[in-house]
């Protein structure tokens, strides 16, 4: 599914099963919580901390999907078309960074 379809599916799910969206501030707090859960797994699985036994079977993709889910909820609530926003963001990054990383000696 593409981003637009995912936003629509999220909206349909909320209207069918979720009753209504949580307010934007609540969803922002939930997004922060979900990013924290993702960060915990990545920092322990790929970083220097040892992974807790309770985290070893956590699905990294599922944690990323949780972040994306809440982000799509916030986008829907605030009238943001994430496809359009992402396309504009790529244009911005390309204009700003088209040579910056290529010319960065530390990345070679």
PDB file of N, CA and C in Angstrom:
ATOM      1  N   UNK A   1       0.849  -1.176   0.000  1.00  0.00           N
ATOM      2  CA  UNK A   1       0.000   0.000   0.000  1.00  0.00           C
ATOM      3  C   UNK A   1       0.891   1.234   0.000  1.00  0.00           C
ATOM      4  N   UNK A   2       0.410   2.306  -0.608  1.00  0.00           N
ATOM      5  CA  UNK A   2       1.189   3.538  -0.616  1.00  0.00           C
ATOM      6  C   UNK A   2       0.802   4.390   0.602  1.00  0.00           C
ATOM      7  N   UNK A   3       1.448   5.521   0.749  1.00  0.00           N
ATOM      8  CA  UNK A   3       1.231   6.354   1.941  1.00  0.00           C
ATOM      9  C   UNK A   3      -0.209   6.854   2.013  1.00  0.00           C
ATOM     10  N   UNK A   4      -0.750   7.308   0.890  1.00  0.00           N
ATOM     11  CA  UNK A   4      -2.132   7.800   0.874  1.00  0.00           C
ATOM     12  C   UNK A   4      -3.101   6.701   1.311  1.00  0.00           C
ATOM     13  N   UNK A   5      -2.905   5.506   0.767  1.00  0.00           N
ATOM     14  CA  UNK A   5      -3.757   4.381   1.154  1.00  0.00           C
ATOM     15  C   UNK A   5      -3.605   4.056   2.633  1.00  0.00           C
ATOM     16  N   UNK A   6      -2.388   4.154   3.138  1.00  0.00           N
ATOM     17  CA  UNK A   6      -2.150   3.886   4.560  1.00  0.00           C
ATOM     18  C   UNK A   6      -2.856   4.919   5.432  1.00  0.00           C
ATOM     19  N   UNK A   7      -2.803   6.188   5.025  1.00  0.00           N
ATOM     20  CA  UNK A   7      -3.514   7.218   5.790  1.00  0.00           C
ATOM     21  C   UNK A   7      -5.017   6.956   5.771  1.00  0.00           C
ATOM     22  N   UNK A   8      -5.548   6.575   4.612  1.00  0.00           N
ATOM     23  CA  UNK A   8      -6.979   6.286   4.503  1.00  0.00           C
ATOM     24  C   UNK A   8      -7.352   5.063   5.344  1.00  0.00           C
ATOM     25  N   UNK A   9      -6.519   4.030   5.306  1.00  0.00           N
ATOM     26  CA  UNK A   9      -6.783   2.817   6.083  1.00  0.00           C
ATOM     27  C   UNK A   9      -6.733   3.113   7.584  1.00  0.00           C
ATOM     28  N   UNK A  10      -5.796   3.960   7.983  1.00  0.00           N
ATOM     29  CA  UNK A  10      -5.714   4.373   9.388  1.00  0.00           C
ATOM     30  C   UNK A  10      -6.992   5.098   9.791  1.00  0.00           C
ATOM     31  N   UNK A  11      -7.440   6.024   8.950  1.00  0.00           N
ATOM     32  CA  UNK A  11      -8.659   6.778   9.234  1.00  0.00           C
ATOM     33  C   UNK A  11      -9.865   5.843   9.325  1.00  0.00           C
ATOM     34  N   UNK A  12      -9.965   4.896   8.403  1.00  0.00           N
ATOM     35  CA  UNK A  12     -11.070   3.932   8.431  1.00  0.00           C
ATOM     36  C   UNK A  12     -11.029   3.102   9.713  1.00  0.00           C
ATOM     37  N   UNK A  13      -9.819   2.669  10.111  1.00  0.00           N
ATOM     38  CA  UNK A  13      -9.686   1.872  11.324  1.00  0.00           C
ATOM     39  C   UNK A  13     -10.141   2.666  12.549  1.00  0.00           C
ATOM     40  N   UNK A  14      -9.678   3.904  12.632  1.00  0.00           N
ATOM     41  CA  UNK A  14     -10.056   4.755  13.768  1.00  0.00           C
ATOM     42  C   UNK A  14     -11.576   4.892  13.822  1.00  0.00           C
ATOM     43  N   UNK A  15     -12.203   5.168  12.703  1.00  0.00           N
ATOM     44  CA  UNK A  15     -13.655   5.371  12.666  1.00  0.00           C
ATOM     45  C   UNK A  15     -14.425   4.082  12.951  1.00  0.00           C
ATOM     46  N   UNK A  16     -13.845   2.931  12.604  1.00  0.00           N
ATOM     47  CA  UNK A  16     -14.518   1.647  12.815  1.00  0.00           C
ATOM     48  C   UNK A  16     -14.270   1.086  14.209  1.00  0.00           C
ATOM     49  N   UNK A  17     -13.022   1.099  14.652  1.00  0.00           N
ATOM     50  CA  UNK A  17     -12.652   0.438  15.904  1.00  0.00           C
ATOM     51  C   UNK A  17     -12.198   1.381  17.005  1.00  0.00           C
ATOM     52  N   UNK A  18     -11.703   2.518  16.644  1.00  0.00           N
ATOM     53  CA  UNK A  18     -11.103   3.399  17.635  1.00  0.00           C
ATOM     54  C   UNK A  18     -12.050   4.445  18.190  1.00  0.00           C
ATOM     55  N   UNK A  19     -13.266   4.502  17.706  1.00  0.00           N
ATOM     56  CA  UNK A  19     -14.298   5.455  18.089  1.00  0.00           C
ATOM     57  C   UNK A  19     -13.982   6.849  17.572  1.00  0.00           C
ATOM     58  N   UNK A  20     -12.816   7.381  17.953  1.00  0.00           N
ATOM     59  CA  UNK A  20     -12.376   8.704  17.501  1.00  0.00           C
ATOM     60  C   UNK A  20     -10.872   8.795  17.719  1.00  0.00           C
ATOM     61  N   UNK A  21     -10.281   9.804  17.111  1.00  0.00           N
ATOM     62  CA  UNK A  21      -8.858  10.061  17.346  1.00  0.00           C
ATOM     63  C   UNK A  21      -8.680  10.609  18.756  1.00  0.00           C
ATOM     64  N   UNK A  22      -7.579  10.246  19.397  1.00  0.00           N
ATOM     65  CA  UNK A  22      -7.176  10.966  20.601  1.00  0.00           C
ATOM     66  C   UNK A  22      -6.824  12.374  20.156  1.00  0.00           C
ATOM     67  N   UNK A  23      -6.867  13.337  21.064  1.00  0.00           N
ATOM     68  CA  UNK A  23      -6.524  14.697  20.632  1.00  0.00           C
ATOM     69  C   UNK A  23      -5.045  14.773  20.242  1.00  0.00           C
ATOM     70  N   UNK A  24      -4.710  15.846  19.554  1.00  0.00           N
ATOM     71  CA  UNK A  24      -3.363  15.978  18.998  1.00  0.00           C
ATOM     72  C   UNK A  24      -2.270  15.932  20.061  1.00  0.00           C
ATOM     73  N   UNK A  25      -2.505  16.536  21.206  1.00  0.00           N
ATOM     74  CA  UNK A  25      -1.478  16.513  22.259  1.00  0.00           C
ATOM     75  C   UNK A  25      -1.297  15.106  22.817  1.00  0.00           C
ATOM     76  N   UNK A  26      -2.387  14.386  22.983  1.00  0.00           N
ATOM     77  CA  UNK A  26      -2.289  12.999  23.445  1.00  0.00           C
ATOM     78  C   UNK A  26      -1.539  12.167  22.414  1.00  0.00           C
ATOM     79  N   UNK A  27      -1.879  12.338  21.134  1.00  0.00           N
ATOM     80  CA  UNK A  27      -1.178  11.569  20.104  1.00  0.00           C
ATOM     81  C   UNK A  27       0.297  11.948  20.022  1.00  0.00           C
ATOM     82  N   UNK A  28       0.625  13.204  20.285  1.00  0.00           N
ATOM     83  CA  UNK A  28       2.038  13.597  20.296  1.00  0.00           C
ATOM     84  C   UNK A  28       2.764  12.881  21.435  1.00  0.00           C
ATOM     85  N   UNK A  29       2.126  12.773  22.581  1.00  0.00           N
ATOM     86  CA  UNK A  29       2.729  12.050  23.709  1.00  0.00           C
ATOM     87  C   UNK A  29       2.875  10.567  23.373  1.00  0.00           C
ATOM     88  N   UNK A  30       1.857   9.994  22.716  1.00  0.00           N
ATOM     89  CA  UNK A  30       1.924   8.585  22.316  1.00  0.00           C
ATOM     90  C   UNK A  30       3.041   8.381  21.299  1.00  0.00           C
ATOM     91  N   UNK A  31       3.182   9.311  20.347  1.00  0.00           N
ATOM     92  CA  UNK A  31       4.264   9.224  19.363  1.00  0.00           C
ATOM     93  C   UNK A  31       5.623   9.228  20.063  1.00  0.00           C
ATOM     94  N   UNK A  32       5.780  10.093  21.020  1.00  0.00           N
ATOM     95  CA  UNK A  32       7.029  10.165  21.777  1.00  0.00           C
ATOM     96  C   UNK A  32       7.297   8.843  22.495  1.00  0.00           C
ATOM     97  N   UNK A  33       6.258   8.276  23.080  1.00  0.00           N
ATOM     98  CA  UNK A  33       6.388   6.987  23.760  1.00  0.00           C
ATOM     99  C   UNK A  33       6.804   5.885  22.772  1.00  0.00           C
ATOM    100  N   UNK A  34       6.169   5.850  21.615  1.00  0.00           N
ATOM    101  CA  UNK A  34       6.488   4.826  20.618  1.00  0.00           C
ATOM    102  C   UNK A  34       7.914   4.991  20.087  1.00  0.00           C
ATOM    103  N   UNK A  35       8.344   6.229  19.859  1.00  0.00           N
ATOM    104  CA  UNK A  35       9.722   6.469  19.419  1.00  0.00           C
ATOM    105  C   UNK A  35      10.688   6.008  20.505  1.00  0.00           C
ATOM    106  N   UNK A  36      10.338   6.232  21.754  1.00  0.00           N
ATOM    107  CA  UNK A  36      11.178   5.770  22.864  1.00  0.00           C
ATOM    108  C   UNK A  36      11.314   4.260  22.893  1.00  0.00           C
ATOM    109  N   UNK A  37      10.214   3.548  22.637  1.00  0.00           N
ATOM    110  CA  UNK A  37      10.267   2.085  22.600  1.00  0.00           C
ATOM    111  C   UNK A  37      11.161   1.610  21.460  1.00  0.00           C
ATOM    112  N   UNK A  38      11.042   2.254  20.317  1.00  0.00           N
ATOM    113  CA  UNK A  38      11.890   1.925  19.167  1.00  0.00           C
ATOM    114  C   UNK A  38      13.356   2.210  19.499  1.00  0.00           C
ATOM    115  N   UNK A  39      13.621   3.357  20.093  1.00  0.00           N
ATOM    116  CA  UNK A  39      14.992   3.734  20.450  1.00  0.00           C
ATOM    117  C   UNK A  39      15.597   2.741  21.435  1.00  0.00           C
ATOM    118  N   UNK A  40      14.801   2.291  22.374  1.00  0.00           N
ATOM    119  CA  UNK A  40      15.297   1.334  23.363  1.00  0.00           C
ATOM    120  C   UNK A  40      15.770   0.049  22.683  1.00  0.00           C
ATOM    121  N   UNK A  41      14.972  -0.471  21.790  1.00  0.00           N
ATOM    122  CA  UNK A  41      15.342  -1.711  21.111  1.00  0.00           C
ATOM    123  C   UNK A  41      16.589  -1.505  20.252  1.00  0.00           C
ATOM    124  N   UNK A  42      16.612  -0.431  19.481  1.00  0.00           N
ATOM    125  CA  UNK A  42      17.768  -0.181  18.607  1.00  0.00           C
ATOM    126  C   UNK A  42      19.035   0.044  19.422  1.00  0.00           C
ATOM    127  N   UNK A  43      18.921   0.822  20.493  1.00  0.00           N
ATOM    128  CA  UNK A  43      20.126   1.112  21.282  1.00  0.00           C
ATOM    129  C   UNK A  43      20.674  -0.135  21.958  1.00  0.00           C
ATOM    130  N   UNK A  44      19.796  -1.056  22.316  1.00  0.00           N
ATOM    131  CA  UNK A  44      20.271  -2.267  22.976  1.00  0.00           C
ATOM    132  C   UNK A  44      20.651  -3.360  21.991  1.00  0.00           C
ATOM    133  N   UNK A  45      19.972  -3.407  20.864  1.00  0.00           N
ATOM    134  CA  UNK A  45      20.268  -4.439  19.873  1.00  0.00           C
ATOM    135  C   UNK A  45      21.497  -4.079  19.041  1.00  0.00           C
ATOM    136  N   UNK A  46      21.666  -2.802  18.741  1.00  0.00           N
ATOM    137  CA  UNK A  46      22.753  -2.371  17.848  1.00  0.00           C
ATOM    138  C   UNK A  46      23.779  -1.476  18.542  1.00  0.00           C
ATOM    139  N   UNK A  47      23.464  -1.024  19.734  1.00  0.00           N
ATOM    140  CA  UNK A  47      24.364  -0.142  20.458  1.00  0.00           C
ATOM    141  C   UNK A  47      25.209  -0.906  21.463  1.00  0.00           C
ATOM    142  N   UNK A  48      25.692  -0.195  22.431  1.00  0.00           N
ATOM    143  CA  UNK A  48      26.635  -0.765  23.387  1.00  0.00           C
ATOM    144  C   UNK A  48      25.986  -1.372  24.614  1.00  0.00           C
ATOM    145  N   UNK A  49      24.717  -1.061  24.862  1.00  0.00           N
ATOM    146  CA  UNK A  49      24.037  -1.665  25.999  1.00  0.00           C
ATOM    147  C   UNK A  49      23.667  -3.101  25.678  1.00  0.00           C
ATOM    148  N   UNK A  50      23.634  -3.927  26.703  1.00  0.00           N
ATOM    149  CA  UNK A  50      23.189  -5.297  26.474  1.00  0.00           C
ATOM    150  C   UNK A  50      21.658  -5.304  26.414  1.00  0.00           C
ATOM    151  N   UNK A  51      21.148  -6.168  25.569  1.00  0.00           N
ATOM    152  CA  UNK A  51      19.709  -6.255  25.367  1.00  0.00           C
ATOM    153  C   UNK A  51      19.078  -7.042  26.513  1.00  0.00           C
ATOM    154  N   UNK A  52      17.998  -6.513  27.054  1.00  0.00           N
ATOM    155  CA  UNK A  52      17.283  -7.218  28.110  1.00  0.00           C
ATOM    156  C   UNK A  52      16.597  -8.438  27.521  1.00  0.00           C
ATOM    157  N   UNK A  53      16.478  -9.462  28.304  1.00  0.00           N
ATOM    158  CA  UNK A  53      15.827 -10.695  27.865  1.00  0.00           C
ATOM    159  C   UNK A  53      14.415 -10.397  27.359  1.00  0.00           C
ATOM    160  N   UNK A  54      13.721  -9.483  28.027  1.00  0.00           N
ATOM    161  CA  UNK A  54      12.336  -9.161  27.654  1.00  0.00           C
ATOM    162  C   UNK A  54      12.239  -8.430  26.313  1.00  0.00           C
ATOM    163  N   UNK A  55      13.351  -7.867  25.838  1.00  0.00           N
ATOM    164  CA  UNK A  55      13.349  -7.140  24.568  1.00  0.00           C
ATOM    165  C   UNK A  55      13.842  -7.975  23.388  1.00  0.00           C
ATOM    166  N   UNK A  56      14.426  -9.129  23.661  1.00  0.00           N
ATOM    167  CA  UNK A  56      15.073  -9.916  22.604  1.00  0.00           C
ATOM    168  C   UNK A  56      14.107 -10.391  21.526  1.00  0.00           C
ATOM    169  N   UNK A  57      12.867 -10.607  21.868  1.00  0.00           N
ATOM    170  CA  UNK A  57      11.906 -11.093  20.878  1.00  0.00           C
ATOM    171  C   UNK A  57      11.029  -9.982  20.312  1.00  0.00           C
ATOM    172  N   UNK A  58      11.343  -8.735  20.648  1.00  0.00           N
ATOM    173  CA  UNK A  58      10.551  -7.618  20.122  1.00  0.00           C
ATOM    174  C   UNK A  58      10.798  -7.482  18.630  1.00  0.00           C
ATOM    175  N   UNK A  59       9.729  -7.252  17.902  1.00  0.00           N
ATOM    176  CA  UNK A  59       9.776  -7.123  16.446  1.00  0.00           C
ATOM    177  C   UNK A  59      10.084  -5.672  16.094  1.00  0.00           C
ATOM    178  N   UNK A  60      11.276  -5.420  15.573  1.00  0.00           N
ATOM    179  CA  UNK A  60      11.708  -4.069  15.239  1.00  0.00           C
ATOM    180  C   UNK A  60      10.777  -3.427  14.216  1.00  0.00           C
ATOM    181  N   UNK A  61      10.363  -4.195  13.219  1.00  0.00           N
ATOM    182  CA  UNK A  61       9.441  -3.675  12.212  1.00  0.00           C
ATOM    183  C   UNK A  61       8.109  -3.264  12.809  1.00  0.00           C
ATOM    184  N   UNK A  62       7.616  -4.050  13.763  1.00  0.00           N
ATOM    185  CA  UNK A  62       6.357  -3.717  14.423  1.00  0.00           C
ATOM    186  C   UNK A  62       6.485  -2.428  15.221  1.00  0.00           C
ATOM    187  N   UNK A  63       7.625  -2.241  15.861  1.00  0.00           N
ATOM    188  CA  UNK A  63       7.848  -1.002  16.620  1.00  0.00           C
ATOM    189  C   UNK A  63       7.902   0.201  15.680  1.00  0.00           C
ATOM    190  N   UNK A  64       8.539   0.035  14.516  1.00  0.00           N
ATOM    191  CA  UNK A  64       8.569   1.117  13.527  1.00  0.00           C
ATOM    192  C   UNK A  64       7.156   1.406  13.014  1.00  0.00           C
ATOM    193  N   UNK A  65       6.375   0.355  12.810  1.00  0.00           N
ATOM    194  CA  UNK A  65       4.994   0.526  12.351  1.00  0.00           C
ATOM    195  C   UNK A  65       4.156   1.267  13.387  1.00  0.00           C
ATOM    196  N   UNK A  66       4.412   1.029  14.672  1.00  0.00           N
ATOM    197  CA  UNK A  66       3.705   1.772  15.718  1.00  0.00           C
ATOM    198  C   UNK A  66       3.969   3.271  15.591  1.00  0.00           C
ATOM    199  N   UNK A  67       5.228   3.628  15.333  1.00  0.00           N
ATOM    200  CA  UNK A  67       5.591   5.041  15.145  1.00  0.00           C
ATOM    201  C   UNK A  67       4.857   5.607  13.931  1.00  0.00           C
ATOM    202  N   UNK A  68       4.885   4.862  12.842  1.00  0.00           N
ATOM    203  CA  UNK A  68       4.231   5.309  11.615  1.00  0.00           C
ATOM    204  C   UNK A  68       2.727   5.457  11.807  1.00  0.00           C
ATOM    205  N   UNK A  69       2.127   4.542  12.529  1.00  0.00           N
ATOM    206  CA  UNK A  69       0.687   4.583  12.814  1.00  0.00           C
ATOM    207  C   UNK A  69       0.298   5.898  13.486  1.00  0.00           C
ATOM    208  N   UNK A  70       0.991   6.232  14.557  1.00  0.00           N
ATOM    209  CA  UNK A  70       0.643   7.451  15.300  1.00  0.00           C
ATOM    210  C   UNK A  70       0.941   8.687  14.460  1.00  0.00           C
ATOM    211  N   UNK A  71       2.014   8.655  13.685  1.00  0.00           N
ATOM    212  CA  UNK A  71       2.329   9.765  12.794  1.00  0.00           C
ATOM    213  C   UNK A  71       1.205   9.958  11.777  1.00  0.00           C
ATOM    214  N   UNK A  72       0.687   8.851  11.250  1.00  0.00           N
ATOM    215  CA  UNK A  72      -0.427   8.963  10.303  1.00  0.00           C
ATOM    216  C   UNK A  72      -1.685   9.487  10.982  1.00  0.00           C
ATOM    217  N   UNK A  73      -1.912   9.105  12.212  1.00  0.00           N
ATOM    218  CA  UNK A  73      -3.046   9.658  12.967  1.00  0.00           C
ATOM    219  C   UNK A  73      -2.899  11.174  13.078  1.00  0.00           C
ATOM    220  N   UNK A  74      -1.731  11.632  13.458  1.00  0.00           N
ATOM    221  CA  UNK A  74      -1.504  13.074  13.588  1.00  0.00           C
ATOM    222  C   UNK A  74      -1.658  13.786  12.248  1.00  0.00           C
ATOM    223  N   UNK A  75      -1.159  13.176  11.190  1.00  0.00           N
ATOM    224  CA  UNK A  75      -1.301  13.772   9.857  1.00  0.00           C
ATOM    225  C   UNK A  75      -2.778  13.876   9.485  1.00  0.00           C
ATOM    226  N   UNK A  76      -3.534  12.823   9.706  1.00  0.00           N
ATOM    227  CA  UNK A  76      -4.961  12.848   9.403  1.00  0.00           C
ATOM    228  C   UNK A  76      -5.681  13.923  10.194  1.00  0.00           C
ATOM    229  N   UNK A  77      -5.363  14.029  11.453  1.00  0.00           N
ATOM    230  CA  UNK A  77      -6.026  15.007  12.319  1.00  0.00           C
ATOM    231  C   UNK A  77      -5.733  16.442  11.916  1.00  0.00           C
ATOM    232  N   UNK A  78      -4.553  16.665  11.396  1.00  0.00           N
ATOM    233  CA  UNK A  78      -4.127  18.033  11.105  1.00  0.00           C
ATOM    234  C   UNK A  78      -4.192  18.363   9.617  1.00  0.00           C
ATOM    235  N   UNK A  79      -4.765  17.450   8.829  1.00  0.00           N
ATOM    236  CA  UNK A  79      -4.969  17.713   7.414  1.00  0.00           C
ATOM    237  C   UNK A  79      -3.713  17.658   6.561  1.00  0.00           C
ATOM    238  N   UNK A  80      -2.727  16.878   6.996  1.00  0.00           N
ATOM    239  CA  UNK A  80      -1.472  16.763   6.257  1.00  0.00           C
ATOM    240  C   UNK A  80      -1.529  15.556   5.328  1.00  0.00           C
ATOM    241  N   UNK A  81      -1.254  15.789   4.058  1.00  0.00           N
ATOM    242  CA  UNK A  81      -1.095  14.715   3.083  1.00  0.00           C
ATOM    243  C   UNK A  81       0.374  14.318   3.149  1.00  0.00           C
ATOM    244  N   UNK A  82       0.653  13.171   3.748  1.00  0.00           N
ATOM    245  CA  UNK A  82       2.041  12.766   3.952  1.00  0.00           C
ATOM    246  C   UNK A  82       2.777  12.494   2.641  1.00  0.00           C
ATOM    247  N   UNK A  83       2.084  12.063   1.608  1.00  0.00           N
ATOM    248  CA  UNK A  83       2.734  11.877   0.313  1.00  0.00           C
ATOM    249  C   UNK A  83       3.261  13.206  -0.192  1.00  0.00           C
ATOM    250  N   UNK A  84       2.411  14.210  -0.189  1.00  0.00           N
ATOM    251  CA  UNK A  84       2.810  15.547  -0.633  1.00  0.00           C
ATOM    252  C   UNK A  84       3.915  16.110   0.252  1.00  0.00           C
ATOM    253  N   UNK A  85       3.781  15.933   1.551  1.00  0.00           N
ATOM    254  CA  UNK A  85       4.787  16.452   2.487  1.00  0.00           C
ATOM    255  C   UNK A  85       6.138  15.776   2.263  1.00  0.00           C
ATOM    256  N   UNK A  86       6.118  14.465   2.018  1.00  0.00           N
ATOM    257  CA  UNK A  86       7.366  13.737   1.800  1.00  0.00           C
ATOM    258  C   UNK A  86       8.023  14.150   0.485  1.00  0.00           C
ATOM    259  N   UNK A  87       7.215  14.339  -0.548  1.00  0.00           N
ATOM    260  CA  UNK A  87       7.767  14.799  -1.826  1.00  0.00           C
ATOM    261  C   UNK A  87       8.430  16.169  -1.679  1.00  0.00           C
ATOM    262  N   UNK A  88       7.785  17.092  -0.975  1.00  0.00           N
ATOM    263  CA  UNK A  88       8.363  18.416  -0.734  1.00  0.00           C
ATOM    264  C   UNK A  88       9.643  18.301   0.085  1.00  0.00           C
ATOM    265  N   UNK A  89       9.641  17.360   1.042  1.00  0.00           N
ATOM    266  CA  UNK A  89      10.805  17.178   1.898  1.00  0.00           C
ATOM    267  C   UNK A  89      11.995  16.655   1.102  1.00  0.00           C
ATOM    268  N   UNK A  90      11.744  15.729   0.166  1.00  0.00           N
ATOM    269  CA  UNK A  90      12.812  15.250  -0.711  1.00  0.00           C
ATOM    270  C   UNK A  90      13.378  16.396  -1.536  1.00  0.00           C
ATOM    271  N   UNK A  91      12.497  17.242  -2.084  1.00  0.00           N
ATOM    272  CA  UNK A  91      12.952  18.395  -2.870  1.00  0.00           C
ATOM    273  C   UNK A  91      13.821  19.322  -2.023  1.00  0.00           C
ATOM    274  N   UNK A  92      13.389  19.575  -0.802  1.00  0.00           N
ATOM    275  CA  UNK A  92      14.138  20.439   0.107  1.00  0.00           C
ATOM    276  C   UNK A  92      15.520  19.858   0.391  1.00  0.00           C
ATOM    277  N   UNK A  93      15.549  18.575   0.740  1.00  0.00           N
ATOM    278  CA  UNK A  93      16.826  17.931   1.063  1.00  0.00           C
ATOM    279  C   UNK A  93      17.763  17.907  -0.148  1.00  0.00           C
ATOM    280  N   UNK A  94      17.199  17.657  -1.325  1.00  0.00           N
ATOM    281  CA  UNK A  94      18.023  17.612  -2.536  1.00  0.00           C
ATOM    282  C   UNK A  94      18.627  18.978  -2.830  1.00  0.00           C
ATOM    283  N   UNK A  95      17.810  20.018  -2.728  1.00  0.00           N
ATOM    284  CA  UNK A  95      18.317  21.375  -2.977  1.00  0.00           C
ATOM    285  C   UNK A  95      19.376  21.765  -1.949  1.00  0.00           C
ATOM    286  N   UNK A  96      19.164  21.401  -0.718  1.00  0.00           N
ATOM    287  CA  UNK A  96      20.060  21.796   0.363  1.00  0.00           C
ATOM    288  C   UNK A  96      21.316  20.940   0.426  1.00  0.00           C
ATOM    289  N   UNK A  97      21.173  19.652   0.171  1.00  0.00           N
ATOM    290  CA  UNK A  97      22.261  18.718   0.454  1.00  0.00           C
ATOM    291  C   UNK A  97      22.802  17.982  -0.768  1.00  0.00           C
ATOM    292  N   UNK A  98      22.524  18.488  -1.971  1.00  0.00           N
ATOM    293  CA  UNK A  98      22.909  17.743  -3.176  1.00  0.00           C
ATOM    294  C   UNK A  98      24.403  17.475  -3.262  1.00  0.00           C
ATOM    295  N   UNK A  99      25.218  18.316  -2.665  1.00  0.00           N
ATOM    296  CA  UNK A  99      26.667  18.101  -2.699  1.00  0.00           C
ATOM    297  C   UNK A  99      27.283  17.937  -1.314  1.00  0.00           C
ATOM    298  N   UNK A 100      26.546  18.289  -0.295  1.00  0.00           N
ATOM    299  CA  UNK A 100      27.095  18.296   1.063  1.00  0.00           C
ATOM    300  C   UNK A 100      27.634  16.934   1.481  1.00  0.00           C
ATOM    301  N   UNK A 101      26.856  15.876   1.304  1.00  0.00           N
ATOM    302  CA  UNK A 101      27.291  14.552   1.759  1.00  0.00           C
ATOM    303  C   UNK A 101      28.332  13.951   0.814  1.00  0.00           C
ATOM    304  N   UNK A 102      28.175  14.193  -0.486  1.00  0.00           N
ATOM    305  CA  UNK A 102      29.139  13.685  -1.458  1.00  0.00           C
ATOM    306  C   UNK A 102      30.528  14.269  -1.190  1.00  0.00           C
ATOM    307  N   UNK A 103      30.576  15.518  -0.757  1.00  0.00           N
ATOM    308  CA  UNK A 103      31.847  16.200  -0.494  1.00  0.00           C
ATOM    309  C   UNK A 103      32.335  16.045   0.943  1.00  0.00           C
ATOM    310  N   UNK A 104      31.662  15.255   1.744  1.00  0.00           N
ATOM    311  CA  UNK A 104      32.051  15.055   3.134  1.00  0.00           C
ATOM    312  C   UNK A 104      33.065  13.922   3.211  1.00  0.00           C
ATOM    313  N   UNK A 105      34.303  14.267   3.476  1.00  0.00           N
ATOM    314  CA  UNK A 105      35.396  13.289   3.501  1.00  0.00           C
ATOM    315  C   UNK A 105      35.186  12.215   4.569  1.00  0.00           C
ATOM    316  N   UNK A 106      34.483  12.536   5.634  1.00  0.00           N
ATOM    317  CA  UNK A 106      34.289  11.544   6.696  1.00  0.00           C
ATOM    318  C   UNK A 106      33.313  10.438   6.283  1.00  0.00           C
ATOM    319  N   UNK A 107      32.574  10.647   5.206  1.00  0.00           N
ATOM    320  CA  UNK A 107      31.625   9.620   4.747  1.00  0.00           C
ATOM    321  C   UNK A 107      32.217   8.706   3.692  1.00  0.00           C
ATOM    322  N   UNK A 108      33.439   8.968   3.294  1.00  0.00           N
ATOM    323  CA  UNK A 108      34.063   8.150   2.236  1.00  0.00           C
ATOM    324  C   UNK A 108      34.903   7.059   2.799  1.00  0.00           C
TER     325      UNK A 108
END
